[in-house]
Each structure stands twice: as C-alpha cells, then as structure tokens.
Amino acid sequence: MNSLTRTLPIALGLSLLSSAALAKTFKVDSAHSNVGFSLKHLVISKVTGRFNDFGGTFVLDDKSHALTSAEGEIQTKSIDTAQAKRDEHLRSPDFFGVDDKNPANPNNTIKFKLTQYKGDGKKGVATGNITIHGVTKPISLAVEIGGLVKDPQGGERAAFTAEGKINRKDFGLTWNKALEAGGVVVGEDVSLHIEVEGIVP
C-alpha cells in the first residue's frame, strides 16, 4: 500500500469532520420560545392565541449563521386563546378534531419541515412544508435571525423569529357562521408569529 492509498481515507475523514463542524444543531427551548397566531373575529377585530406544547430542532451554519435545516411539531391540544370555552371548540371536530383516545390521529399535531432557506445570517425566507389536520401544503416564512450567544451556564444558544400566513380552509378547517350585516364570525387567513430560541444539546 503506497502512501497515497494510506493517507486518502484519513484526509477524507478529516474533511467530513470539518464539514460537520461548520453547522450546529439546536434543540428548541420551549420555555423561551413562542408559537403564536392571530385571525379576524367578526370582521372588525383580531383574536390572538398560542400553542403551549411544541418542540423541534434547527441547524445554523457556524460561519454565516444562516438557517440550513429546521423541523418542528406542535400539539394541537395545547391551543390557548385565554378563553376555555373557545379553546374547547377549537379542539372539537369543528376545527382541529383532537382525539385523546388515538394518539396517532394526524389532527393531534401540526408539523413543519424546512425545504429551502434563501438569505444570510440576519434575514431570509424559509420555505417548507406544513402539515395541519393531516393536510400538507407549502409555506413561506420571513425569518430574522437573532444570532448566537453563550448563556450564563456556558450553553450555546441561538434564536430567530418567523412570520407568515396561511388560509385555514386549505387545511380543511372550514367551520364558520355568517353575520347578518355581512361577513363571517371567523376569518380565513391566519397570521403566524413564531419566536424560537434553541440550545445545543
């Protein structure tokens, strides 16, 4: 075995290790993150809410801090609009159709997976697939990356915000009531506002 044959595997291994070191994977810290939304109510105002149970991971390029990968999952049962009766209605078959007896029910979760990110370590557009009510559609989110920092315990953290909009009817969430004066009780367009902070596990 000549010297080239001996050193080539070593060189390739070091190259792979170097490439892996150029990106860091962060686990979403739900205690310092927020998954929020808003939509029209009675045409004239907005109702806001959030989901309290969610998780995921994301990857930032170590040099540019650009987003290179992201996945997340939200438990629809955790929807919270600060009104218990309204939240019960949102969990009902009229909307999400949460099924406690069947944990595998696709209505129980909202999922997102990044397919492309265009931008840098400050701002960009994240394109991905979002699955709601068992229906998967593409979505684009405007992203602002806050950067990387070490917390007081020495952990490495990163954060970003993401904003976008979906039409709930695209996902089979069609319940509504018409108003006598025109319009409907619940708006179709849902604005998303997501604040994510992650830590390297």
N, C-alpha and C. Protein backbone atom coordinates (compact mmCIF):
# COMPACT_ATOMS: atom_id res chain seq x y z
N MET A 1 0.86 -1.19 0.00
CA MET A 1 0.00 0.00 0.00
C MET A 1 0.89 1.24 0.00
N ASN A 2 0.73 2.10 -1.01
CA ASN A 2 1.57 3.29 -1.08
C ASN A 2 1.04 4.37 -0.13
N SER A 3 1.81 5.44 0.00
CA SER A 3 1.47 6.49 0.97
C SER A 3 0.17 7.18 0.61
N LEU A 4 -0.12 7.34 -0.69
CA LEU A 4 -1.36 8.00 -1.11
C LEU A 4 -2.57 7.17 -0.70
N THR A 5 -2.46 5.86 -0.88
CA THR A 5 -3.55 4.97 -0.52
C THR A 5 -3.81 5.01 0.99
N ARG A 6 -2.70 5.15 1.77
CA ARG A 6 -2.86 5.18 3.23
C ARG A 6 -3.44 6.50 3.72
N THR A 7 -3.07 7.59 3.09
CA THR A 7 -3.47 8.91 3.61
C THR A 7 -4.81 9.39 3.07
N LEU A 8 -5.27 8.83 1.94
CA LEU A 8 -6.52 9.30 1.35
C LEU A 8 -7.71 9.10 2.28
N PRO A 9 -7.89 7.91 2.89
CA PRO A 9 -9.03 7.75 3.82
C PRO A 9 -8.97 8.72 5.00
N ILE A 10 -7.74 8.98 5.48
CA ILE A 10 -7.58 9.90 6.61
C ILE A 10 -8.00 11.31 6.19
N ALA A 11 -7.57 11.72 5.00
CA ALA A 11 -7.91 13.05 4.50
C ALA A 11 -9.41 13.21 4.32
N LEU A 12 -10.03 12.17 3.77
CA LEU A 12 -11.48 12.22 3.57
C LEU A 12 -12.21 12.31 4.90
N GLY A 13 -11.74 11.56 5.88
CA GLY A 13 -12.36 11.58 7.20
C GLY A 13 -12.26 12.95 7.85
N LEU A 14 -11.08 13.56 7.75
CA LEU A 14 -10.89 14.89 8.31
C LEU A 14 -11.77 15.91 7.60
N SER A 15 -11.94 15.75 6.28
CA SER A 15 -12.79 16.65 5.50
C SER A 15 -14.23 16.56 5.97
N LEU A 16 -14.69 15.35 6.21
CA LEU A 16 -16.07 15.16 6.67
C LEU A 16 -16.26 15.75 8.06
N LEU A 17 -15.29 15.56 8.93
CA LEU A 17 -15.37 16.12 10.27
C LEU A 17 -15.39 17.65 10.22
N SER A 18 -14.59 18.21 9.32
CA SER A 18 -14.54 19.65 9.17
C SER A 18 -15.86 20.20 8.69
N SER A 19 -16.52 19.50 7.73
CA SER A 19 -17.81 19.94 7.21
C SER A 19 -18.87 19.89 8.28
N ALA A 20 -18.83 18.81 9.09
CA ALA A 20 -19.82 18.67 10.15
C ALA A 20 -19.67 19.78 11.18
N ALA A 21 -18.43 20.23 11.40
CA ALA A 21 -18.19 21.27 12.40
C ALA A 21 -18.67 22.63 11.95
N LEU A 22 -19.01 22.77 10.66
CA LEU A 22 -19.45 24.06 10.14
C LEU A 22 -20.92 24.32 10.42
N ALA A 23 -21.61 23.40 11.07
CA ALA A 23 -23.02 23.59 11.39
C ALA A 23 -23.29 23.08 12.80
N LYS A 24 -24.19 23.76 13.49
CA LYS A 24 -24.56 23.34 14.84
C LYS A 24 -26.07 23.08 14.89
N THR A 25 -26.44 22.01 15.57
CA THR A 25 -27.84 21.67 15.75
C THR A 25 -28.33 22.18 17.10
N PHE A 26 -29.45 22.88 17.08
CA PHE A 26 -30.03 23.44 18.29
C PHE A 26 -31.38 22.78 18.56
N LYS A 27 -31.62 22.49 19.83
CA LYS A 27 -32.92 21.98 20.24
C LYS A 27 -33.77 23.14 20.76
N VAL A 28 -35.02 23.21 20.29
CA VAL A 28 -35.89 24.31 20.68
C VAL A 28 -36.13 24.28 22.20
N ASP A 29 -35.90 25.42 22.83
CA ASP A 29 -36.16 25.60 24.25
C ASP A 29 -37.55 26.23 24.39
N SER A 30 -38.54 25.40 24.68
CA SER A 30 -39.93 25.88 24.68
C SER A 30 -40.19 26.90 25.79
N ALA A 31 -39.36 26.89 26.83
CA ALA A 31 -39.53 27.85 27.92
C ALA A 31 -39.19 29.27 27.48
N HIS A 32 -38.42 29.40 26.41
CA HIS A 32 -38.02 30.71 25.91
C HIS A 32 -38.43 30.90 24.44
N SER A 33 -39.47 30.20 24.03
CA SER A 33 -39.96 30.30 22.65
C SER A 33 -41.48 30.50 22.68
N ASN A 34 -42.04 30.89 21.55
CA ASN A 34 -43.47 31.13 21.47
C ASN A 34 -43.97 30.83 20.07
N VAL A 35 -45.08 30.09 20.00
CA VAL A 35 -45.73 29.81 18.72
C VAL A 35 -47.10 30.49 18.77
N GLY A 36 -47.20 31.65 18.15
CA GLY A 36 -48.41 32.45 18.24
C GLY A 36 -49.11 32.63 16.91
N PHE A 37 -50.37 33.02 16.98
CA PHE A 37 -51.17 33.25 15.77
C PHE A 37 -52.23 34.29 16.04
N SER A 38 -52.81 34.84 14.97
CA SER A 38 -53.94 35.76 15.09
C SER A 38 -54.81 35.63 13.85
N LEU A 39 -56.10 35.93 14.01
CA LEU A 39 -57.02 35.93 12.87
C LEU A 39 -58.22 36.80 13.21
N LYS A 40 -58.93 37.20 12.16
CA LYS A 40 -60.04 38.12 12.32
C LYS A 40 -61.21 37.48 13.05
N HIS A 41 -61.88 38.30 13.86
CA HIS A 41 -63.10 37.88 14.54
C HIS A 41 -64.19 38.92 14.27
N LEU A 42 -65.33 38.46 13.76
CA LEU A 42 -66.46 39.35 13.45
C LEU A 42 -66.06 40.48 12.51
N VAL A 43 -65.05 40.23 11.70
CA VAL A 43 -64.57 41.17 10.67
C VAL A 43 -63.83 42.36 11.24
N ILE A 44 -64.23 42.84 12.41
CA ILE A 44 -63.74 44.14 12.90
C ILE A 44 -62.55 44.04 13.86
N SER A 45 -62.24 42.85 14.36
CA SER A 45 -61.16 42.75 15.35
C SER A 45 -60.35 41.48 15.12
N LYS A 46 -59.35 41.27 15.96
CA LYS A 46 -58.50 40.08 15.86
C LYS A 46 -58.49 39.32 17.18
N VAL A 47 -58.43 38.01 17.06
CA VAL A 47 -58.22 37.15 18.21
C VAL A 47 -56.81 36.59 18.11
N THR A 48 -56.10 36.60 19.22
CA THR A 48 -54.74 36.06 19.24
C THR A 48 -54.70 34.80 20.10
N GLY A 49 -53.73 33.96 19.83
CA GLY A 49 -53.57 32.75 20.61
C GLY A 49 -52.18 32.19 20.46
N ARG A 50 -51.96 31.04 21.09
CA ARG A 50 -50.66 30.40 21.03
C ARG A 50 -50.83 28.90 21.28
N PHE A 51 -49.77 28.17 21.03
CA PHE A 51 -49.71 26.76 21.39
C PHE A 51 -48.66 26.61 22.49
N ASN A 52 -49.00 25.86 23.52
CA ASN A 52 -48.11 25.75 24.68
C ASN A 52 -47.21 24.53 24.66
N ASP A 53 -47.51 23.56 23.81
CA ASP A 53 -46.74 22.31 23.78
C ASP A 53 -46.16 22.11 22.38
N PHE A 54 -44.86 22.28 22.25
CA PHE A 54 -44.20 22.17 20.95
C PHE A 54 -42.74 21.85 21.15
N GLY A 55 -42.09 21.44 20.07
CA GLY A 55 -40.66 21.14 20.12
C GLY A 55 -40.10 21.07 18.72
N GLY A 56 -38.78 20.89 18.64
CA GLY A 56 -38.15 20.79 17.33
C GLY A 56 -36.66 21.03 17.40
N THR A 57 -36.05 21.04 16.26
CA THR A 57 -34.62 21.30 16.13
C THR A 57 -34.37 22.20 14.93
N PHE A 58 -33.25 22.91 14.95
CA PHE A 58 -32.83 23.67 13.78
C PHE A 58 -31.31 23.71 13.72
N VAL A 59 -30.80 23.96 12.54
CA VAL A 59 -29.36 23.98 12.31
C VAL A 59 -28.97 25.31 11.70
N LEU A 60 -27.92 25.91 12.25
CA LEU A 60 -27.34 27.14 11.69
C LEU A 60 -25.93 26.87 11.21
N ASP A 61 -25.60 27.44 10.06
CA ASP A 61 -24.23 27.37 9.58
C ASP A 61 -23.33 28.09 10.58
N ASP A 62 -22.24 27.47 10.95
CA ASP A 62 -21.40 28.00 12.03
C ASP A 62 -20.72 29.31 11.64
N LYS A 63 -20.50 29.52 10.36
CA LYS A 63 -19.81 30.75 9.93
C LYS A 63 -20.79 31.84 9.54
N SER A 64 -21.76 31.52 8.67
CA SER A 64 -22.68 32.54 8.18
C SER A 64 -23.88 32.74 9.10
N HIS A 65 -24.16 31.76 9.97
CA HIS A 65 -25.32 31.75 10.86
C HIS A 65 -26.63 31.64 10.08
N ALA A 66 -26.57 31.27 8.81
CA ALA A 66 -27.77 31.06 8.02
C ALA A 66 -28.46 29.77 8.44
N LEU A 67 -29.78 29.75 8.32
CA LEU A 67 -30.57 28.58 8.67
C LEU A 67 -30.42 27.52 7.58
N THR A 68 -30.01 26.33 7.95
CA THR A 68 -29.81 25.28 6.96
C THR A 68 -30.79 24.12 7.11
N SER A 69 -31.42 23.99 8.28
CA SER A 69 -32.37 22.91 8.50
C SER A 69 -33.28 23.29 9.65
N ALA A 70 -34.53 22.83 9.59
CA ALA A 70 -35.46 23.09 10.70
C ALA A 70 -36.63 22.12 10.63
N GLU A 71 -37.00 21.59 11.78
CA GLU A 71 -38.17 20.73 11.90
C GLU A 71 -38.87 21.05 13.21
N GLY A 72 -40.19 21.00 13.20
CA GLY A 72 -40.92 21.26 14.42
C GLY A 72 -42.24 20.52 14.47
N GLU A 73 -42.74 20.31 15.68
CA GLU A 73 -44.03 19.65 15.87
C GLU A 73 -44.77 20.32 17.02
N ILE A 74 -46.05 20.62 16.77
CA ILE A 74 -46.91 21.29 17.74
C ILE A 74 -48.06 20.37 18.11
N GLN A 75 -48.38 20.31 19.39
CA GLN A 75 -49.54 19.53 19.85
C GLN A 75 -50.77 20.45 19.81
N THR A 76 -51.74 20.11 18.93
CA THR A 76 -52.91 20.99 18.76
C THR A 76 -53.75 21.09 20.04
N LYS A 77 -53.69 20.07 20.87
CA LYS A 77 -54.45 20.11 22.12
C LYS A 77 -54.04 21.28 23.00
N SER A 78 -52.82 21.76 22.81
CA SER A 78 -52.29 22.81 23.68
C SER A 78 -52.68 24.22 23.23
N ILE A 79 -53.62 24.34 22.29
CA ILE A 79 -54.03 25.66 21.82
C ILE A 79 -54.58 26.48 22.98
N ASP A 80 -54.24 27.77 23.01
CA ASP A 80 -54.56 28.62 24.15
C ASP A 80 -54.89 30.02 23.65
N THR A 81 -56.18 30.38 23.73
CA THR A 81 -56.61 31.73 23.36
C THR A 81 -57.10 32.51 24.57
N ALA A 82 -56.81 31.99 25.76
CA ALA A 82 -57.17 32.63 27.03
C ALA A 82 -58.67 32.57 27.30
N GLN A 83 -59.40 31.73 26.55
CA GLN A 83 -60.82 31.51 26.77
C GLN A 83 -61.09 30.02 26.71
N ALA A 84 -61.42 29.40 27.85
CA ALA A 84 -61.54 27.95 27.93
C ALA A 84 -62.59 27.39 26.97
N LYS A 85 -63.77 28.02 26.89
CA LYS A 85 -64.83 27.51 26.01
C LYS A 85 -64.42 27.59 24.55
N ARG A 86 -63.76 28.68 24.19
CA ARG A 86 -63.30 28.82 22.80
C ARG A 86 -62.24 27.78 22.49
N ASP A 87 -61.34 27.53 23.43
CA ASP A 87 -60.30 26.52 23.21
C ASP A 87 -60.90 25.13 23.06
N GLU A 88 -61.95 24.83 23.83
CA GLU A 88 -62.63 23.55 23.69
C GLU A 88 -63.24 23.41 22.30
N HIS A 89 -63.82 24.50 21.81
CA HIS A 89 -64.41 24.48 20.46
C HIS A 89 -63.33 24.26 19.41
N LEU A 90 -62.18 24.89 19.59
CA LEU A 90 -61.09 24.74 18.62
C LEU A 90 -60.53 23.32 18.62
N ARG A 91 -60.63 22.62 19.74
CA ARG A 91 -60.18 21.22 19.81
C ARG A 91 -61.21 20.25 19.26
N SER A 92 -62.43 20.72 19.09
CA SER A 92 -63.55 19.87 18.68
C SER A 92 -63.47 19.54 17.18
N PRO A 93 -64.33 18.63 16.70
CA PRO A 93 -64.35 18.29 15.27
C PRO A 93 -64.65 19.47 14.34
N ASP A 94 -65.23 20.57 14.88
CA ASP A 94 -65.46 21.76 14.05
C ASP A 94 -64.16 22.35 13.54
N PHE A 95 -63.07 22.14 14.30
CA PHE A 95 -61.77 22.69 13.91
C PHE A 95 -60.72 21.58 13.86
N PHE A 96 -59.89 21.44 14.89
CA PHE A 96 -58.78 20.50 14.83
C PHE A 96 -59.19 19.04 14.98
N GLY A 97 -60.26 18.77 15.72
CA GLY A 97 -60.67 17.38 15.91
C GLY A 97 -59.66 16.57 16.70
N VAL A 98 -59.18 17.14 17.81
CA VAL A 98 -58.21 16.45 18.65
C VAL A 98 -58.84 15.15 19.19
N ASP A 99 -58.09 14.08 19.12
CA ASP A 99 -58.57 12.78 19.58
C ASP A 99 -57.63 12.22 20.65
N ASP A 100 -58.02 12.39 21.92
CA ASP A 100 -57.18 11.91 23.02
C ASP A 100 -57.06 10.39 23.05
N LYS A 101 -58.08 9.70 22.54
CA LYS A 101 -58.08 8.25 22.58
C LYS A 101 -57.21 7.62 21.50
N ASN A 102 -56.83 8.43 20.52
CA ASN A 102 -56.00 7.93 19.42
C ASN A 102 -54.79 8.86 19.24
N PRO A 103 -53.71 8.62 19.96
CA PRO A 103 -52.53 9.49 19.89
C PRO A 103 -51.97 9.64 18.48
N ALA A 104 -52.21 8.64 17.61
CA ALA A 104 -51.66 8.69 16.25
C ALA A 104 -52.52 9.50 15.30
N ASN A 105 -53.64 10.03 15.76
CA ASN A 105 -54.51 10.82 14.91
C ASN A 105 -53.74 12.00 14.32
N PRO A 106 -53.74 12.17 12.99
CA PRO A 106 -52.98 13.29 12.40
C PRO A 106 -53.49 14.65 12.81
N ASN A 107 -54.74 14.73 13.32
CA ASN A 107 -55.26 16.01 13.76
C ASN A 107 -54.62 16.49 15.06
N ASN A 108 -53.92 15.60 15.73
CA ASN A 108 -53.34 15.94 17.04
C ASN A 108 -52.08 16.78 16.95
N THR A 109 -51.49 16.87 15.76
CA THR A 109 -50.22 17.59 15.62
C THR A 109 -50.20 18.50 14.40
N ILE A 110 -49.39 19.52 14.50
CA ILE A 110 -49.02 20.36 13.36
C ILE A 110 -47.52 20.16 13.17
N LYS A 111 -47.12 19.89 11.94
CA LYS A 111 -45.70 19.62 11.68
C LYS A 111 -45.16 20.57 10.61
N PHE A 112 -43.88 20.90 10.75
CA PHE A 112 -43.20 21.74 9.76
C PHE A 112 -41.83 21.16 9.47
N LYS A 113 -41.43 21.21 8.19
CA LYS A 113 -40.08 20.81 7.81
C LYS A 113 -39.56 21.76 6.74
N LEU A 114 -38.40 22.34 7.00
CA LEU A 114 -37.78 23.27 6.07
C LEU A 114 -37.30 22.54 4.81
N THR A 115 -37.56 23.15 3.66
CA THR A 115 -37.05 22.61 2.40
C THR A 115 -36.02 23.52 1.75
N GLN A 116 -36.09 24.83 2.06
CA GLN A 116 -35.13 25.77 1.45
C GLN A 116 -35.08 27.05 2.28
N TYR A 117 -33.87 27.60 2.37
CA TYR A 117 -33.70 28.89 3.02
C TYR A 117 -32.89 29.78 2.11
N LYS A 118 -33.42 30.97 1.81
CA LYS A 118 -32.72 31.95 1.00
C LYS A 118 -32.47 33.18 1.85
N GLY A 119 -31.21 33.47 2.08
CA GLY A 119 -30.87 34.62 2.89
C GLY A 119 -29.51 34.43 3.53
N ASP A 120 -29.26 35.21 4.58
CA ASP A 120 -27.97 35.13 5.27
C ASP A 120 -28.21 34.91 6.76
N GLY A 121 -27.24 35.25 7.56
CA GLY A 121 -27.36 35.05 8.99
C GLY A 121 -28.13 36.13 9.72
N LYS A 122 -28.77 37.01 8.96
CA LYS A 122 -29.58 38.06 9.57
C LYS A 122 -31.05 37.96 9.16
N LYS A 123 -31.29 37.92 7.85
CA LYS A 123 -32.66 37.84 7.35
C LYS A 123 -32.74 36.90 6.17
N GLY A 124 -33.92 36.32 5.97
CA GLY A 124 -34.11 35.44 4.84
C GLY A 124 -35.55 34.96 4.74
N VAL A 125 -35.78 34.09 3.79
CA VAL A 125 -37.11 33.48 3.60
C VAL A 125 -36.95 31.97 3.71
N ALA A 126 -37.70 31.39 4.63
CA ALA A 126 -37.69 29.94 4.83
C ALA A 126 -38.91 29.35 4.15
N THR A 127 -38.67 28.41 3.24
CA THR A 127 -39.75 27.70 2.57
C THR A 127 -39.79 26.28 3.09
N GLY A 128 -40.97 25.79 3.35
CA GLY A 128 -41.08 24.43 3.87
C GLY A 128 -42.46 23.87 3.67
N ASN A 129 -42.68 22.70 4.24
CA ASN A 129 -43.98 22.04 4.20
C ASN A 129 -44.58 22.03 5.59
N ILE A 130 -45.84 22.47 5.68
CA ILE A 130 -46.55 22.46 6.95
C ILE A 130 -47.73 21.51 6.83
N THR A 131 -47.90 20.68 7.84
CA THR A 131 -48.99 19.71 7.86
C THR A 131 -49.94 20.04 9.00
N ILE A 132 -51.19 20.33 8.64
CA ILE A 132 -52.24 20.65 9.60
C ILE A 132 -53.47 19.83 9.26
N HIS A 133 -54.05 19.21 10.27
CA HIS A 133 -55.29 18.44 10.04
C HIS A 133 -55.06 17.33 9.02
N GLY A 134 -53.82 16.84 8.96
CA GLY A 134 -53.48 15.77 8.04
C GLY A 134 -53.23 16.21 6.62
N VAL A 135 -53.26 17.52 6.36
CA VAL A 135 -53.05 18.07 5.02
C VAL A 135 -51.72 18.80 4.97
N THR A 136 -50.91 18.51 3.95
CA THR A 136 -49.59 19.14 3.82
C THR A 136 -49.60 20.15 2.69
N LYS A 137 -49.13 21.36 2.98
CA LYS A 137 -49.06 22.44 1.99
C LYS A 137 -47.73 23.18 2.15
N PRO A 138 -47.25 23.82 1.08
CA PRO A 138 -46.03 24.63 1.21
C PRO A 138 -46.34 25.94 1.93
N ILE A 139 -45.33 26.47 2.59
CA ILE A 139 -45.47 27.75 3.28
C ILE A 139 -44.15 28.48 3.21
N SER A 140 -44.21 29.81 3.13
CA SER A 140 -43.02 30.65 3.16
C SER A 140 -43.08 31.54 4.39
N LEU A 141 -41.97 31.64 5.10
CA LEU A 141 -41.90 32.42 6.32
C LEU A 141 -40.77 33.43 6.23
N ALA A 142 -41.05 34.66 6.60
CA ALA A 142 -40.00 35.68 6.69
C ALA A 142 -39.23 35.46 7.99
N VAL A 143 -37.92 35.29 7.88
CA VAL A 143 -37.11 34.92 9.04
C VAL A 143 -36.13 36.04 9.39
N GLU A 144 -36.01 36.31 10.67
CA GLU A 144 -34.97 37.22 11.17
C GLU A 144 -34.19 36.47 12.23
N ILE A 145 -32.90 36.32 12.00
CA ILE A 145 -32.06 35.54 12.91
C ILE A 145 -31.39 36.46 13.92
N GLY A 146 -31.56 36.12 15.20
CA GLY A 146 -31.03 36.97 16.26
C GLY A 146 -29.56 36.79 16.51
N GLY A 147 -29.01 35.62 16.13
CA GLY A 147 -27.60 35.36 16.32
C GLY A 147 -27.34 34.27 17.33
N LEU A 148 -26.08 34.13 17.72
CA LEU A 148 -25.65 33.10 18.66
C LEU A 148 -25.03 33.76 19.89
N VAL A 149 -25.21 33.09 21.04
CA VAL A 149 -24.67 33.64 22.29
C VAL A 149 -24.49 32.49 23.28
N LYS A 150 -23.62 32.69 24.26
CA LYS A 150 -23.48 31.73 25.34
C LYS A 150 -24.25 32.23 26.56
N ASP A 151 -25.04 31.31 27.16
CA ASP A 151 -25.81 31.69 28.33
C ASP A 151 -24.92 31.65 29.58
N PRO A 152 -25.42 32.10 30.74
CA PRO A 152 -24.59 32.13 31.96
C PRO A 152 -24.06 30.77 32.41
N GLN A 153 -24.73 29.69 31.96
CA GLN A 153 -24.28 28.34 32.30
C GLN A 153 -23.28 27.79 31.30
N GLY A 154 -22.93 28.58 30.28
CA GLY A 154 -21.96 28.15 29.29
C GLY A 154 -22.58 27.44 28.09
N GLY A 155 -23.91 27.31 28.06
CA GLY A 155 -24.57 26.68 26.92
C GLY A 155 -24.62 27.61 25.72
N GLU A 156 -24.53 27.04 24.53
CA GLU A 156 -24.58 27.84 23.32
C GLU A 156 -26.01 27.92 22.81
N ARG A 157 -26.50 29.14 22.62
CA ARG A 157 -27.88 29.37 22.22
C ARG A 157 -27.96 30.19 20.93
N ALA A 158 -29.06 30.01 20.22
CA ALA A 158 -29.34 30.78 19.01
C ALA A 158 -30.83 31.05 18.96
N ALA A 159 -31.24 32.09 18.25
CA ALA A 159 -32.65 32.44 18.20
C ALA A 159 -33.01 33.04 16.84
N PHE A 160 -34.29 32.88 16.49
CA PHE A 160 -34.81 33.53 15.28
C PHE A 160 -36.31 33.73 15.42
N THR A 161 -36.84 34.65 14.64
CA THR A 161 -38.28 34.84 14.54
C THR A 161 -38.72 34.46 13.13
N ALA A 162 -39.96 33.99 13.00
CA ALA A 162 -40.51 33.63 11.70
C ALA A 162 -41.96 34.10 11.62
N GLU A 163 -42.32 34.73 10.52
CA GLU A 163 -43.68 35.22 10.35
C GLU A 163 -44.21 34.81 8.98
N GLY A 164 -45.48 34.45 8.94
CA GLY A 164 -46.09 34.04 7.68
C GLY A 164 -47.59 34.03 7.81
N LYS A 165 -48.25 33.50 6.78
CA LYS A 165 -49.71 33.49 6.76
C LYS A 165 -50.19 32.25 6.03
N ILE A 166 -51.27 31.66 6.53
CA ILE A 166 -51.91 30.53 5.87
C ILE A 166 -53.41 30.79 5.81
N ASN A 167 -54.09 30.08 4.90
CA ASN A 167 -55.55 30.08 4.85
C ASN A 167 -56.02 28.79 5.49
N ARG A 168 -56.77 28.87 6.57
CA ARG A 168 -57.16 27.68 7.32
C ARG A 168 -58.01 26.73 6.48
N LYS A 169 -58.75 27.26 5.50
CA LYS A 169 -59.58 26.41 4.66
C LYS A 169 -58.75 25.46 3.80
N ASP A 170 -57.50 25.85 3.50
CA ASP A 170 -56.62 24.97 2.73
C ASP A 170 -56.34 23.67 3.47
N PHE A 171 -56.57 23.68 4.78
CA PHE A 171 -56.26 22.51 5.61
C PHE A 171 -57.52 21.85 6.17
N GLY A 172 -58.66 22.17 5.56
CA GLY A 172 -59.91 21.55 5.97
C GLY A 172 -60.54 22.13 7.21
N LEU A 173 -60.03 23.27 7.69
CA LEU A 173 -60.61 23.93 8.87
C LEU A 173 -61.62 24.96 8.36
N THR A 174 -62.83 24.50 8.07
CA THR A 174 -63.78 25.31 7.31
C THR A 174 -64.94 25.87 8.12
N TRP A 175 -65.04 25.52 9.41
CA TRP A 175 -66.21 25.95 10.19
C TRP A 175 -66.33 27.47 10.20
N ASN A 176 -67.60 27.94 10.10
CA ASN A 176 -67.85 29.38 10.18
C ASN A 176 -69.35 29.63 10.35
N LYS A 177 -69.68 30.88 10.63
CA LYS A 177 -71.07 31.33 10.66
C LYS A 177 -71.14 32.70 10.01
N ALA A 178 -72.20 32.89 9.22
CA ALA A 178 -72.38 34.17 8.53
C ALA A 178 -73.00 35.20 9.49
N LEU A 179 -72.64 36.45 9.27
CA LEU A 179 -73.19 37.55 10.05
C LEU A 179 -74.32 38.22 9.28
N GLU A 180 -75.31 38.71 10.00
CA GLU A 180 -76.44 39.37 9.35
C GLU A 180 -76.00 40.58 8.54
N ALA A 181 -75.00 41.30 9.05
CA ALA A 181 -74.54 42.51 8.37
C ALA A 181 -73.53 42.21 7.26
N GLY A 182 -73.25 40.93 7.03
CA GLY A 182 -72.24 40.55 6.05
C GLY A 182 -70.96 40.11 6.71
N GLY A 183 -70.23 39.27 6.03
CA GLY A 183 -69.00 38.74 6.60
C GLY A 183 -69.27 37.49 7.42
N VAL A 184 -68.25 37.01 8.09
CA VAL A 184 -68.35 35.78 8.86
C VAL A 184 -67.74 35.96 10.24
N VAL A 185 -68.01 34.99 11.13
CA VAL A 185 -67.53 35.09 12.51
C VAL A 185 -66.02 34.97 12.59
N VAL A 186 -65.47 33.98 11.88
CA VAL A 186 -64.03 33.70 11.98
C VAL A 186 -63.36 33.92 10.63
N GLY A 187 -62.26 34.68 10.62
CA GLY A 187 -61.54 34.93 9.38
C GLY A 187 -60.86 33.68 8.85
N GLU A 188 -60.57 33.69 7.57
CA GLU A 188 -59.90 32.54 6.94
C GLU A 188 -58.39 32.62 7.05
N ASP A 189 -57.84 33.82 6.92
CA ASP A 189 -56.38 33.99 6.95
C ASP A 189 -55.86 34.00 8.38
N VAL A 190 -54.87 33.16 8.63
CA VAL A 190 -54.26 33.05 9.95
C VAL A 190 -52.82 33.56 9.87
N SER A 191 -52.52 34.59 10.64
CA SER A 191 -51.15 35.11 10.68
C SER A 191 -50.36 34.36 11.75
N LEU A 192 -49.14 33.97 11.40
CA LEU A 192 -48.29 33.21 12.31
C LEU A 192 -47.14 34.08 12.78
N HIS A 193 -46.87 34.04 14.06
CA HIS A 193 -45.71 34.75 14.61
C HIS A 193 -45.00 33.80 15.56
N ILE A 194 -43.78 33.41 15.20
CA ILE A 194 -43.06 32.37 15.93
C ILE A 194 -41.72 32.91 16.43
N GLU A 195 -41.50 32.77 17.71
CA GLU A 195 -40.23 33.16 18.33
C GLU A 195 -39.54 31.88 18.81
N VAL A 196 -38.36 31.61 18.30
CA VAL A 196 -37.67 30.38 18.63
C VAL A 196 -36.31 30.68 19.26
N GLU A 197 -36.07 30.03 20.40
CA GLU A 197 -34.73 30.04 21.00
C GLU A 197 -34.30 28.58 21.19
N GLY A 198 -33.10 28.28 20.77
CA GLY A 198 -32.62 26.91 20.88
C GLY A 198 -31.27 26.84 21.59
N ILE A 199 -30.97 25.65 22.06
CA ILE A 199 -29.70 25.42 22.74
C ILE A 199 -29.05 24.15 22.19
N VAL A 200 -27.72 24.17 22.09
CA VAL A 200 -27.01 22.97 21.65
C VAL A 200 -27.13 21.90 22.74
N PRO A 201 -27.72 20.73 22.43
CA PRO A 201 -27.93 19.70 23.47
C PRO A 201 -26.61 19.26 24.10
